[in-house]
Amino acid sequence: MIIRYSIEAFDRAIVIREVISWGFTILYVLGFIRISNILNDGSKSKEASG
């Protein structure tokens, strides 16, 4: 890849990979926060009704 497309293309691929990695990391964190909030809301409603 380096010989055919030069170093700039290789650097660009690394940057794209890092951006995608950070994007998935943010999605995972937001998912965990959402699930945590759903579980906490469910336990609060059970305590209030029970």
C-alpha atoms as a PDB file:
ATOM      1  CA  MET A   1       0.000   0.000   0.000  1.00  0.00           C
ATOM      2  CA  ILE A   2       2.811   2.421   0.849  1.00  0.00           C
ATOM      3  CA  ILE A   3       4.661   1.858  -2.440  1.00  0.00           C
ATOM      4  CA  ARG A   4       1.547   2.220  -4.589  1.00  0.00           C
ATOM      5  CA  TYR A   5      -0.218   5.117  -2.838  1.00  0.00           C
ATOM      6  CA  SER A   6       2.643   6.803  -0.926  1.00  0.00           C
ATOM      7  CA  ILE A   7       2.903   7.670   2.730  1.00  0.00           C
ATOM      8  CA  GLU A   8       0.054  10.218   2.623  1.00  0.00           C
ATOM      9  CA  ALA A   9      -2.506   7.525   1.805  1.00  0.00           C
ATOM     10  CA  PHE A  10      -1.171   5.341   4.600  1.00  0.00           C
ATOM     11  CA  ASP A  11      -1.391   8.244   7.065  1.00  0.00           C
ATOM     12  CA  ARG A  12      -4.925   8.974   5.885  1.00  0.00           C
ATOM     13  CA  ALA A  13      -5.916   5.345   6.464  1.00  0.00           C
ATOM     14  CA  ILE A  14      -4.556   5.530  10.008  1.00  0.00           C
ATOM     15  CA  VAL A  15      -6.536   8.711  10.686  1.00  0.00           C
ATOM     16  CA  ILE A  16      -9.728   7.193   9.268  1.00  0.00           C
ATOM     17  CA  ARG A  17      -9.236   4.088  11.406  1.00  0.00           C
ATOM     18  CA  GLU A  18      -8.770   6.217  14.524  1.00  0.00           C
ATOM     19  CA  VAL A  19     -11.875   8.305  13.779  1.00  0.00           C
ATOM     20  CA  ILE A  20     -13.975   5.176  13.305  1.00  0.00           C
ATOM     21  CA  SER A  21     -12.551   3.727  16.518  1.00  0.00           C
ATOM     22  CA  TRP A  22     -13.428   6.863  18.494  1.00  0.00           C
ATOM     23  CA  GLY A  23     -16.906   6.894  16.932  1.00  0.00           C
ATOM     24  CA  PHE A  24     -17.613   3.350  18.076  1.00  0.00           C
ATOM     25  CA  THR A  25     -16.206   4.113  21.525  1.00  0.00           C
ATOM     26  CA  ILE A  26     -18.595   7.053  21.905  1.00  0.00           C
ATOM     27  CA  LEU A  27     -21.527   4.905  20.755  1.00  0.00           C
ATOM     28  CA  TYR A  28     -20.643   2.194  23.290  1.00  0.00           C
ATOM     29  CA  VAL A  29     -20.393   4.687  26.151  1.00  0.00           C
ATOM     30  CA  LEU A  30     -23.707   6.307  25.223  1.00  0.00           C
ATOM     31  CA  GLY A  31     -25.299   2.860  25.017  1.00  0.00           C
ATOM     32  CA  PHE A  32     -24.074   1.909  28.481  1.00  0.00           C
ATOM     33  CA  ILE A  33     -25.340   5.207  29.899  1.00  0.00           C
ATOM     34  CA  ARG A  34     -28.745   4.692  28.273  1.00  0.00           C
ATOM     35  CA  ILE A  35     -29.051   1.123  29.553  1.00  0.00           C
ATOM     36  CA  SER A  36     -28.000   2.251  33.027  1.00  0.00           C
ATOM     37  CA  ASN A  37     -30.662   4.964  33.025  1.00  0.00           C
ATOM     38  CA  ILE A  38     -33.335   2.507  31.849  1.00  0.00           C
ATOM     39  CA  LEU A  39     -32.406   0.033  34.598  1.00  0.00           C
ATOM     40  CA  ASN A  40     -32.377   2.741  37.265  1.00  0.00           C
ATOM     41  CA  ASP A  41     -35.774   4.072  36.145  1.00  0.00           C
ATOM     42  CA  GLY A  42     -37.201   0.548  36.229  1.00  0.00           C
ATOM     43  CA  SER A  43     -35.981  -0.099  39.757  1.00  0.00           C
ATOM     44  CA  LYS A  44     -37.331   3.260  40.961  1.00  0.00           C
ATOM     45  CA  SER A  45     -40.796   2.547  39.555  1.00  0.00           C
ATOM     46  CA  LYS A  46     -40.831  -0.876  41.261  1.00  0.00           C
ATOM     47  CA  GLU A  47     -39.910   0.716  44.600  1.00  0.00           C
ATOM     48  CA  ALA A  48     -42.642   3.338  44.251  1.00  0.00           C
ATOM     49  CA  SER A  49     -45.345   0.809  43.371  1.00  0.00           C
ATOM     50  CA  GLY A  50     -44.224  -1.967  45.714  1.00  0.00           C
END
